[in-house]
mmCIF file of all heavy atoms, coordinates in Angstrom:
data_MODEL
# 
_entry.id   MODEL 
# 
loop_
_atom_site.group_PDB 
_atom_site.id 
_atom_site.type_symbol 
_atom_site.label_atom_id 
_atom_site.label_alt_id 
_atom_site.label_comp_id 
_atom_site.label_asym_id 
_atom_site.label_entity_id 
_atom_site.label_seq_id 
_atom_site.pdbx_PDB_ins_code 
_atom_site.Cartn_x 
_atom_site.Cartn_y 
_atom_site.Cartn_z 
_atom_site.occupancy 
_atom_site.B_iso_or_equiv 
_atom_site.pdbx_formal_charge 
_atom_site.auth_seq_id 
_atom_site.auth_comp_id 
_atom_site.auth_asym_id 
_atom_site.auth_atom_id 
_atom_site.pdbx_PDB_model_num 
ATOM 1   N N   . LEU A 1 1  ? 5.115  -40.305 -23.429 1.00 0.00 ? 1  LEU A N   1 
ATOM 2   C CA  . LEU A 1 1  ? 6.409  -40.689 -22.820 1.00 0.00 ? 1  LEU A CA  1 
ATOM 3   C C   . LEU A 1 1  ? 6.782  -39.754 -21.668 1.00 0.00 ? 1  LEU A C   1 
ATOM 4   O O   . LEU A 1 1  ? 7.521  -40.170 -20.786 1.00 0.00 ? 1  LEU A O   1 
ATOM 5   C CB  . LEU A 1 1  ? 7.514  -40.747 -23.856 1.00 0.00 ? 1  LEU A CB  1 
ATOM 6   C CG  . LEU A 1 1  ? 7.499  -41.956 -24.779 1.00 0.00 ? 1  LEU A CG  1 
ATOM 7   C CD1 . LEU A 1 1  ? 8.571  -41.789 -25.878 1.00 0.00 ? 1  LEU A CD1 1 
ATOM 8   C CD2 . LEU A 1 1  ? 7.751  -43.241 -23.999 1.00 0.00 ? 1  LEU A CD2 1 
ATOM 9   N N   . VAL A 1 2  ? 6.298  -38.540 -21.686 1.00 0.00 ? 2  VAL A N   1 
ATOM 10  C CA  . VAL A 1 2  ? 6.701  -37.589 -20.653 1.00 0.00 ? 2  VAL A CA  1 
ATOM 11  C C   . VAL A 1 2  ? 5.556  -37.236 -19.695 1.00 0.00 ? 2  VAL A C   1 
ATOM 12  O O   . VAL A 1 2  ? 5.731  -36.416 -18.810 1.00 0.00 ? 2  VAL A O   1 
ATOM 13  C CB  . VAL A 1 2  ? 7.266  -36.297 -21.250 1.00 0.00 ? 2  VAL A CB  1 
ATOM 14  C CG1 . VAL A 1 2  ? 8.509  -36.603 -22.075 1.00 0.00 ? 2  VAL A CG1 1 
ATOM 15  C CG2 . VAL A 1 2  ? 6.245  -35.573 -22.114 1.00 0.00 ? 2  VAL A CG2 1 
ATOM 16  N N   . ASN A 1 3  ? 4.386  -37.862 -19.875 1.00 0.00 ? 3  ASN A N   1 
ATOM 17  C CA  . ASN A 1 3  ? 3.255  -37.565 -18.999 1.00 0.00 ? 3  ASN A CA  1 
ATOM 18  C C   . ASN A 1 3  ? 2.739  -38.847 -18.357 1.00 0.00 ? 3  ASN A C   1 
ATOM 19  O O   . ASN A 1 3  ? 2.455  -39.812 -19.044 1.00 0.00 ? 3  ASN A O   1 
ATOM 20  C CB  . ASN A 1 3  ? 2.113  -36.894 -19.803 1.00 0.00 ? 3  ASN A CB  1 
ATOM 21  C CG  . ASN A 1 3  ? 2.401  -35.481 -20.166 1.00 0.00 ? 3  ASN A CG  1 
ATOM 22  O OD1 . ASN A 1 3  ? 2.192  -34.568 -19.329 1.00 0.00 ? 3  ASN A OD1 1 
ATOM 23  N ND2 . ASN A 1 3  ? 2.935  -35.252 -21.333 1.00 0.00 ? 3  ASN A ND2 1 
ATOM 24  N N   . PRO A 1 4  ? 2.606  -38.828 -17.047 1.00 0.00 ? 4  PRO A N   1 
ATOM 25  C CA  . PRO A 1 4  ? 2.068  -40.032 -16.348 1.00 0.00 ? 4  PRO A CA  1 
ATOM 26  C C   . PRO A 1 4  ? 0.597  -40.235 -16.710 1.00 0.00 ? 4  PRO A C   1 
ATOM 27  O O   . PRO A 1 4  ? -0.120 -39.299 -17.104 1.00 0.00 ? 4  PRO A O   1 
ATOM 28  C CB  . PRO A 1 4  ? 2.229  -39.692 -14.881 1.00 0.00 ? 4  PRO A CB  1 
ATOM 29  C CG  . PRO A 1 4  ? 2.222  -38.205 -14.857 1.00 0.00 ? 4  PRO A CG  1 
ATOM 30  C CD  . PRO A 1 4  ? 2.884  -37.736 -16.115 1.00 0.00 ? 4  PRO A CD  1 
ATOM 31  N N   . SER A 1 5  ? 0.155  -41.444 -16.578 1.00 0.00 ? 5  SER A N   1 
ATOM 32  C CA  . SER A 1 5  ? -1.244 -41.801 -16.875 1.00 0.00 ? 5  SER A CA  1 
ATOM 33  C C   . SER A 1 5  ? -1.996 -42.010 -15.557 1.00 0.00 ? 5  SER A C   1 
ATOM 34  O O   . SER A 1 5  ? -1.385 -42.360 -14.544 1.00 0.00 ? 5  SER A O   1 
ATOM 35  C CB  . SER A 1 5  ? -1.305 -43.087 -17.699 1.00 0.00 ? 5  SER A CB  1 
ATOM 36  O OG  . SER A 1 5  ? -2.557 -43.682 -17.666 1.00 0.00 ? 5  SER A OG  1 
ATOM 37  N N   . SER A 1 6  ? -3.295 -41.871 -15.631 1.00 0.00 ? 6  SER A N   1 
ATOM 38  C CA  . SER A 1 6  ? -4.112 -42.145 -14.434 1.00 0.00 ? 6  SER A CA  1 
ATOM 39  C C   . SER A 1 6  ? -3.935 -43.566 -13.969 1.00 0.00 ? 6  SER A C   1 
ATOM 40  O O   . SER A 1 6  ? -4.001 -43.875 -12.798 1.00 0.00 ? 6  SER A O   1 
ATOM 41  C CB  . SER A 1 6  ? -5.583 -41.870 -14.719 1.00 0.00 ? 6  SER A CB  1 
ATOM 42  O OG  . SER A 1 6  ? -6.067 -42.716 -15.776 1.00 0.00 ? 6  SER A OG  1 
ATOM 43  N N   . SER A 1 7  ? -3.651 -44.501 -14.913 1.00 0.00 ? 7  SER A N   1 
ATOM 44  C CA  . SER A 1 7  ? -3.459 -45.891 -14.513 1.00 0.00 ? 7  SER A CA  1 
ATOM 45  C C   . SER A 1 7  ? -2.191 -46.076 -13.707 1.00 0.00 ? 7  SER A C   1 
ATOM 46  O O   . SER A 1 7  ? -2.051 -47.078 -13.013 1.00 0.00 ? 7  SER A O   1 
ATOM 47  C CB  . SER A 1 7  ? -3.454 -46.781 -15.770 1.00 0.00 ? 7  SER A CB  1 
ATOM 48  O OG  . SER A 1 7  ? -2.337 -46.482 -16.564 1.00 0.00 ? 7  SER A OG  1 
ATOM 49  N N   . SER A 1 8  ? -1.280 -45.141 -13.822 1.00 0.00 ? 8  SER A N   1 
ATOM 50  C CA  . SER A 1 8  ? -0.021 -45.286 -13.054 1.00 0.00 ? 8  SER A CA  1 
ATOM 51  C C   . SER A 1 8  ? -0.289 -45.259 -11.555 1.00 0.00 ? 8  SER A C   1 
ATOM 52  O O   . SER A 1 8  ? 0.508  -45.751 -10.774 1.00 0.00 ? 8  SER A O   1 
ATOM 53  C CB  . SER A 1 8  ? 0.934  -44.144 -13.410 1.00 0.00 ? 8  SER A CB  1 
ATOM 54  O OG  . SER A 1 8  ? 1.230  -44.139 -14.792 1.00 0.00 ? 8  SER A OG  1 
ATOM 55  N N   . ASN A 1 9  ? -1.396 -44.700 -11.145 1.00 0.00 ? 9  ASN A N   1 
ATOM 56  C CA  . ASN A 1 9  ? -1.735 -44.630 -9.733  1.00 0.00 ? 9  ASN A CA  1 
ATOM 57  C C   . ASN A 1 9  ? -2.305 -45.943 -9.212  1.00 0.00 ? 9  ASN A C   1 
ATOM 58  O O   . ASN A 1 9  ? -2.458 -46.124 -8.002  1.00 0.00 ? 9  ASN A O   1 
ATOM 59  C CB  . ASN A 1 9  ? -2.719 -43.498 -9.479  1.00 0.00 ? 9  ASN A CB  1 
ATOM 60  C CG  . ASN A 1 9  ? -2.134 -42.156 -9.884  1.00 0.00 ? 9  ASN A CG  1 
ATOM 61  O OD1 . ASN A 1 9  ? -0.981 -41.905 -9.687  1.00 0.00 ? 9  ASN A OD1 1 
ATOM 62  N ND2 . ASN A 1 9  ? -2.979 -41.302 -10.446 1.00 0.00 ? 9  ASN A ND2 1 
ATOM 63  N N   . ARG A 1 10 ? -2.696 -46.839 -10.120 1.00 0.00 ? 10 ARG A N   1 
ATOM 64  C CA  . ARG A 1 10 ? -3.385 -48.034 -9.714  1.00 0.00 ? 10 ARG A CA  1 
ATOM 65  C C   . ARG A 1 10 ? -2.669 -49.311 -10.086 1.00 0.00 ? 10 ARG A C   1 
ATOM 66  O O   . ARG A 1 10 ? -2.937 -50.379 -9.557  1.00 0.00 ? 10 ARG A O   1 
ATOM 67  C CB  . ARG A 1 10 ? -4.795 -48.079 -10.383 1.00 0.00 ? 10 ARG A CB  1 
ATOM 68  C CG  . ARG A 1 10 ? -5.687 -46.913 -9.979  1.00 0.00 ? 10 ARG A CG  1 
ATOM 69  C CD  . ARG A 1 10 ? -7.001 -46.975 -10.667 1.00 0.00 ? 10 ARG A CD  1 
ATOM 70  N NE  . ARG A 1 10 ? -7.664 -48.251 -10.389 1.00 0.00 ? 10 ARG A NE  1 
ATOM 71  C CZ  . ARG A 1 10 ? -8.719 -48.714 -11.071 1.00 0.00 ? 10 ARG A CZ  1 
ATOM 72  N NH1 . ARG A 1 10 ? -9.217 -48.007 -12.059 1.00 0.00 ? 10 ARG A NH1 1 
ATOM 73  N NH2 . ARG A 1 10 ? -9.281 -49.857 -10.772 1.00 0.00 ? 10 ARG A NH2 1 
ATOM 74  N N   . TYR A 1 11 ? -1.778 -49.258 -11.049 1.00 0.00 ? 11 TYR A N   1 
ATOM 75  C CA  . TYR A 1 11 ? -1.154 -50.463 -11.570 1.00 0.00 ? 11 TYR A CA  1 
ATOM 76  C C   . TYR A 1 11 ? 0.376  -50.260 -11.658 1.00 0.00 ? 11 TYR A C   1 
ATOM 77  O O   . TYR A 1 11 ? 0.823  -49.156 -11.894 1.00 0.00 ? 11 TYR A O   1 
ATOM 78  C CB  . TYR A 1 11 ? -1.661 -50.809 -12.951 1.00 0.00 ? 11 TYR A CB  1 
ATOM 79  C CG  . TYR A 1 11 ? -3.152 -51.127 -12.967 1.00 0.00 ? 11 TYR A CG  1 
ATOM 80  C CD1 . TYR A 1 11 ? -4.088 -50.117 -13.190 1.00 0.00 ? 11 TYR A CD1 1 
ATOM 81  C CD2 . TYR A 1 11 ? -3.602 -52.425 -12.774 1.00 0.00 ? 11 TYR A CD2 1 
ATOM 82  C CE1 . TYR A 1 11 ? -5.452 -50.373 -13.184 1.00 0.00 ? 11 TYR A CE1 1 
ATOM 83  C CE2 . TYR A 1 11 ? -4.946 -52.701 -12.772 1.00 0.00 ? 11 TYR A CE2 1 
ATOM 84  C CZ  . TYR A 1 11 ? -5.875 -51.671 -12.991 1.00 0.00 ? 11 TYR A CZ  1 
ATOM 85  O OH  . TYR A 1 11 ? -7.216 -51.967 -12.989 1.00 0.00 ? 11 TYR A OH  1 
ATOM 86  N N   . THR A 1 12 ? 1.106  -51.312 -11.536 1.00 0.00 ? 12 THR A N   1 
ATOM 87  C CA  . THR A 1 12 ? 2.535  -51.249 -11.803 1.00 0.00 ? 12 THR A CA  1 
ATOM 88  C C   . THR A 1 12 ? 2.717  -51.032 -13.298 1.00 0.00 ? 12 THR A C   1 
ATOM 89  O O   . THR A 1 12 ? 1.904  -51.403 -14.113 1.00 0.00 ? 12 THR A O   1 
ATOM 90  C CB  . THR A 1 12 ? 3.211  -52.527 -11.381 1.00 0.00 ? 12 THR A CB  1 
ATOM 91  O OG1 . THR A 1 12 ? 2.620  -53.646 -12.046 1.00 0.00 ? 12 THR A OG1 1 
ATOM 92  C CG2 . THR A 1 12 ? 3.136  -52.733 -9.872  1.00 0.00 ? 12 THR A CG2 1 
ATOM 93  N N   . GLU A 1 13 ? 3.838  -50.426 -13.630 1.00 0.00 ? 13 GLU A N   1 
ATOM 94  C CA  . GLU A 1 13 ? 4.047  -49.988 -15.001 1.00 0.00 ? 13 GLU A CA  1 
ATOM 95  C C   . GLU A 1 13 ? 4.111  -51.149 -16.005 1.00 0.00 ? 13 GLU A C   1 
ATOM 96  O O   . GLU A 1 13 ? 3.928  -50.939 -17.195 1.00 0.00 ? 13 GLU A O   1 
ATOM 97  C CB  . GLU A 1 13 ? 5.307  -49.125 -15.111 1.00 0.00 ? 13 GLU A CB  1 
ATOM 98  C CG  . GLU A 1 13 ? 5.425  -48.352 -16.416 1.00 0.00 ? 13 GLU A CG  1 
ATOM 99  C CD  . GLU A 1 13 ? 6.694  -47.537 -16.471 1.00 0.00 ? 13 GLU A CD  1 
ATOM 100 O OE1 . GLU A 1 13 ? 7.431  -47.507 -15.469 1.00 0.00 ? 13 GLU A OE1 1 
ATOM 101 O OE2 . GLU A 1 13 ? 6.920  -46.919 -17.522 1.00 0.00 ? 13 GLU A OE2 1 
ATOM 102 N N   . ASP A 1 14 ? 4.405  -52.330 -15.531 1.00 0.00 ? 14 ASP A N   1 
ATOM 103 C CA  . ASP A 1 14 ? 4.508  -53.430 -16.485 1.00 0.00 ? 14 ASP A CA  1 
ATOM 104 C C   . ASP A 1 14 ? 3.186  -54.179 -16.626 1.00 0.00 ? 14 ASP A C   1 
ATOM 105 O O   . ASP A 1 14 ? 3.145  -55.240 -17.249 1.00 0.00 ? 14 ASP A O   1 
ATOM 106 C CB  . ASP A 1 14 ? 5.601  -54.403 -16.039 1.00 0.00 ? 14 ASP A CB  1 
ATOM 107 C CG  . ASP A 1 14 ? 5.349  -55.001 -14.659 1.00 0.00 ? 14 ASP A CG  1 
ATOM 108 O OD1 . ASP A 1 14 ? 4.665  -54.359 -13.834 1.00 0.00 ? 14 ASP A OD1 1 
ATOM 109 O OD2 . ASP A 1 14 ? 5.875  -56.085 -14.372 1.00 0.00 ? 14 ASP A OD2 1 
ATOM 110 N N   . CYS A 1 15 ? 2.081  -53.663 -16.058 1.00 0.00 ? 15 CYS A N   1 
ATOM 111 C CA  . CYS A 1 15 ? 0.813  -54.340 -16.209 1.00 0.00 ? 15 CYS A CA  1 
ATOM 112 C C   . CYS A 1 15 ? 0.159  -53.977 -17.559 1.00 0.00 ? 15 CYS A C   1 
ATOM 113 O O   . CYS A 1 15 ? 0.724  -53.245 -18.350 1.00 0.00 ? 15 CYS A O   1 
ATOM 114 C CB  . CYS A 1 15 ? -0.083 -54.003 -15.029 1.00 0.00 ? 15 CYS A CB  1 
ATOM 115 S SG  . CYS A 1 15 ? -1.391 -55.221 -14.742 1.00 0.00 ? 15 CYS A SG  1 
ATOM 116 N N   . TRP A 1 16 ? -1.052 -54.450 -17.768 1.00 0.00 ? 16 TRP A N   1 
ATOM 117 C CA  . TRP A 1 16 ? -1.636 -54.396 -19.085 1.00 0.00 ? 16 TRP A CA  1 
ATOM 118 C C   . TRP A 1 16 ? -1.835 -53.033 -19.646 1.00 0.00 ? 16 TRP A C   1 
ATOM 119 O O   . TRP A 1 16 ? -1.741 -52.809 -20.876 1.00 0.00 ? 16 TRP A O   1 
ATOM 120 C CB  . TRP A 1 16 ? -2.983 -55.143 -19.088 1.00 0.00 ? 16 TRP A CB  1 
ATOM 121 C CG  . TRP A 1 16 ? -4.079 -54.445 -18.328 1.00 0.00 ? 16 TRP A CG  1 
ATOM 122 C CD1 . TRP A 1 16 ? -4.412 -54.614 -17.002 1.00 0.00 ? 16 TRP A CD1 1 
ATOM 123 C CD2 . TRP A 1 16 ? -4.990 -53.501 -18.832 1.00 0.00 ? 16 TRP A CD2 1 
ATOM 124 N NE1 . TRP A 1 16 ? -5.469 -53.811 -16.696 1.00 0.00 ? 16 TRP A NE1 1 
ATOM 125 C CE2 . TRP A 1 16 ? -5.856 -53.138 -17.791 1.00 0.00 ? 16 TRP A CE2 1 
ATOM 126 C CE3 . TRP A 1 16 ? -5.176 -52.922 -20.103 1.00 0.00 ? 16 TRP A CE3 1 
ATOM 127 C CZ2 . TRP A 1 16 ? -6.882 -52.206 -17.962 1.00 0.00 ? 16 TRP A CZ2 1 
ATOM 128 C CZ3 . TRP A 1 16 ? -6.206 -51.999 -20.270 1.00 0.00 ? 16 TRP A CZ3 1 
ATOM 129 C CH2 . TRP A 1 16 ? -7.030 -51.642 -19.198 1.00 0.00 ? 16 TRP A CH2 1 
ATOM 130 N N   . THR A 1 17 ? -2.101 -52.036 -18.794 1.00 0.00 ? 17 THR A N   1 
ATOM 131 C CA  . THR A 1 17 ? -2.349 -50.682 -19.328 1.00 0.00 ? 17 THR A CA  1 
ATOM 132 C C   . THR A 1 17 ? -1.120 -50.157 -20.075 1.00 0.00 ? 17 THR A C   1 
ATOM 133 O O   . THR A 1 17 ? -1.214 -49.695 -21.191 1.00 0.00 ? 17 THR A O   1 
ATOM 134 C CB  . THR A 1 17 ? -2.734 -49.711 -18.211 1.00 0.00 ? 17 THR A CB  1 
ATOM 135 O OG1 . THR A 1 17 ? -1.705 -49.740 -17.200 1.00 0.00 ? 17 THR A OG1 1 
ATOM 136 C CG2 . THR A 1 17 ? -4.065 -50.092 -17.593 1.00 0.00 ? 17 THR A CG2 1 
ATOM 137 N N   . TRP A 1 18 ? 0.025  -50.312 -19.432 1.00 0.00 ? 18 TRP A N   1 
ATOM 138 C CA  . TRP A 1 18 ? 1.269  -49.904 -20.068 1.00 0.00 ? 18 TRP A CA  1 
ATOM 139 C C   . TRP A 1 18 ? 1.681  -50.863 -21.171 1.00 0.00 ? 18 TRP A C   1 
ATOM 140 O O   . TRP A 1 18 ? 2.245  -50.468 -22.178 1.00 0.00 ? 18 TRP A O   1 
ATOM 141 C CB  . TRP A 1 18 ? 2.377  -49.732 -19.024 1.00 0.00 ? 18 TRP A CB  1 
ATOM 142 C CG  . TRP A 1 18 ? 2.241  -48.458 -18.249 1.00 0.00 ? 18 TRP A CG  1 
ATOM 143 C CD1 . TRP A 1 18 ? 1.606  -48.255 -17.096 1.00 0.00 ? 18 TRP A CD1 1 
ATOM 144 C CD2 . TRP A 1 18 ? 2.771  -47.164 -18.657 1.00 0.00 ? 18 TRP A CD2 1 
ATOM 145 N NE1 . TRP A 1 18 ? 1.674  -46.943 -16.699 1.00 0.00 ? 18 TRP A NE1 1 
ATOM 146 C CE2 . TRP A 1 18 ? 2.384  -46.250 -17.647 1.00 0.00 ? 18 TRP A CE2 1 
ATOM 147 C CE3 . TRP A 1 18 ? 3.486  -46.724 -19.749 1.00 0.00 ? 18 TRP A CE3 1 
ATOM 148 C CZ2 . TRP A 1 18 ? 2.725  -44.914 -17.728 1.00 0.00 ? 18 TRP A CZ2 1 
ATOM 149 C CZ3 . TRP A 1 18 ? 3.812  -45.397 -19.819 1.00 0.00 ? 18 TRP A CZ3 1 
ATOM 150 C CH2 . TRP A 1 18 ? 3.438  -44.501 -18.813 1.00 0.00 ? 18 TRP A CH2 1 
ATOM 151 N N   . ALA A 1 19 ? 1.456  -52.141 -20.959 1.00 0.00 ? 19 ALA A N   1 
ATOM 152 C CA  . ALA A 1 19 ? 1.831  -53.129 -21.969 1.00 0.00 ? 19 ALA A CA  1 
ATOM 153 C C   . ALA A 1 19 ? 1.127  -52.894 -23.277 1.00 0.00 ? 19 ALA A C   1 
ATOM 154 O O   . ALA A 1 19 ? 1.695  -53.075 -24.357 1.00 0.00 ? 19 ALA A O   1 
ATOM 155 C CB  . ALA A 1 19 ? 1.522  -54.557 -21.448 1.00 0.00 ? 19 ALA A CB  1 
ATOM 156 N N   . ALA A 1 20 ? -0.148 -52.453 -23.233 1.00 0.00 ? 20 ALA A N   1 
ATOM 157 C CA  . ALA A 1 20 ? -0.868 -52.139 -24.447 1.00 0.00 ? 20 ALA A CA  1 
ATOM 158 C C   . ALA A 1 20 ? -0.232 -50.921 -25.119 1.00 0.00 ? 20 ALA A C   1 
ATOM 159 O O   . ALA A 1 20 ? -0.147 -50.858 -26.378 1.00 0.00 ? 20 ALA A O   1 
ATOM 160 C CB  . ALA A 1 20 ? -2.325 -51.884 -24.144 1.00 0.00 ? 20 ALA A CB  1 
ATOM 161 N N   . PHE A 1 21 ? 0.211  -49.943 -24.330 1.00 0.00 ? 21 PHE A N   1 
ATOM 162 C CA  . PHE A 1 21 ? 0.900  -48.779 -24.909 1.00 0.00 ? 21 PHE A CA  1 
ATOM 163 C C   . PHE A 1 21 ? 2.189  -49.261 -25.586 1.00 0.00 ? 21 PHE A C   1 
ATOM 164 O O   . PHE A 1 21 ? 2.536  -48.793 -26.667 1.00 0.00 ? 21 PHE A O   1 
ATOM 165 C CB  . PHE A 1 21 ? 1.231  -47.801 -23.791 1.00 0.00 ? 21 PHE A CB  1 
ATOM 166 C CG  . PHE A 1 21 ? 2.216  -46.733 -24.189 1.00 0.00 ? 21 PHE A CG  1 
ATOM 167 C CD1 . PHE A 1 21 ? 1.924  -45.826 -25.214 1.00 0.00 ? 21 PHE A CD1 1 
ATOM 168 C CD2 . PHE A 1 21 ? 3.432  -46.635 -23.529 1.00 0.00 ? 21 PHE A CD2 1 
ATOM 169 C CE1 . PHE A 1 21 ? 2.837  -44.844 -25.576 1.00 0.00 ? 21 PHE A CE1 1 
ATOM 170 C CE2 . PHE A 1 21 ? 4.353  -45.630 -23.907 1.00 0.00 ? 21 PHE A CE2 1 
ATOM 171 C CZ  . PHE A 1 21 ? 4.056  -44.752 -24.911 1.00 0.00 ? 21 PHE A CZ  1 
ATOM 172 N N   . TYR A 1 22 ? 2.933  -50.171 -24.957 1.00 0.00 ? 22 TYR A N   1 
ATOM 173 C CA  . TYR A 1 22 ? 4.175  -50.625 -25.551 1.00 0.00 ? 22 TYR A CA  1 
ATOM 174 C C   . TYR A 1 22 ? 3.971  -51.244 -26.955 1.00 0.00 ? 22 TYR A C   1 
ATOM 175 O O   . TYR A 1 22 ? 4.818  -51.076 -27.845 1.00 0.00 ? 22 TYR A O   1 
ATOM 176 C CB  . TYR A 1 22 ? 4.871  -51.678 -24.660 1.00 0.00 ? 22 TYR A CB  1 
ATOM 177 C CG  . TYR A 1 22 ? 5.199  -51.220 -23.264 1.00 0.00 ? 22 TYR A CG  1 
ATOM 178 C CD1 . TYR A 1 22 ? 5.241  -52.143 -22.205 1.00 0.00 ? 22 TYR A CD1 1 
ATOM 179 C CD2 . TYR A 1 22 ? 5.447  -49.889 -22.959 1.00 0.00 ? 22 TYR A CD2 1 
ATOM 180 C CE1 . TYR A 1 22 ? 5.546  -51.749 -20.919 1.00 0.00 ? 22 TYR A CE1 1 
ATOM 181 C CE2 . TYR A 1 22 ? 5.743  -49.477 -21.682 1.00 0.00 ? 22 TYR A CE2 1 
ATOM 182 C CZ  . TYR A 1 22 ? 5.778  -50.424 -20.669 1.00 0.00 ? 22 TYR A CZ  1 
ATOM 183 O OH  . TYR A 1 22 ? 6.084  -50.040 -19.371 1.00 0.00 ? 22 TYR A OH  1 
ATOM 184 N N   . THR A 1 23 ? 2.843  -51.943 -27.148 1.00 0.00 ? 23 THR A N   1 
ATOM 185 C CA  . THR A 1 23 ? 2.582  -52.539 -28.469 1.00 0.00 ? 23 THR A CA  1 
ATOM 186 C C   . THR A 1 23 ? 2.481  -51.448 -29.528 1.00 0.00 ? 23 THR A C   1 
ATOM 187 O O   . THR A 1 23 ? 3.005  -51.613 -30.626 1.00 0.00 ? 23 THR A O   1 
ATOM 188 C CB  . THR A 1 23 ? 1.307  -53.387 -28.508 1.00 0.00 ? 23 THR A CB  1 
ATOM 189 O OG1 . THR A 1 23 ? 0.133  -52.579 -28.295 1.00 0.00 ? 23 THR A OG1 1 
ATOM 190 C CG2 . THR A 1 23 ? 1.336  -54.483 -27.430 1.00 0.00 ? 23 THR A CG2 1 
ATOM 191 N N   . GLY A 1 24 ? 1.830  -50.345 -29.172 1.00 0.00 ? 24 GLY A N   1 
ATOM 192 C CA  . GLY A 1 24 ? 1.726  -49.237 -30.128 1.00 0.00 ? 24 GLY A CA  1 
ATOM 193 C C   . GLY A 1 24 ? 3.044  -48.522 -30.314 1.00 0.00 ? 24 GLY A C   1 
ATOM 194 O O   . GLY A 1 24 ? 3.397  -48.104 -31.409 1.00 0.00 ? 24 GLY A O   1 
# 
């Protein structure tokens, strides 16, 4: 929650990388 992900540089936050995190 307090650290950005490498995917943040390539995808908007509501795309699948973050969406999969939200499920967890």
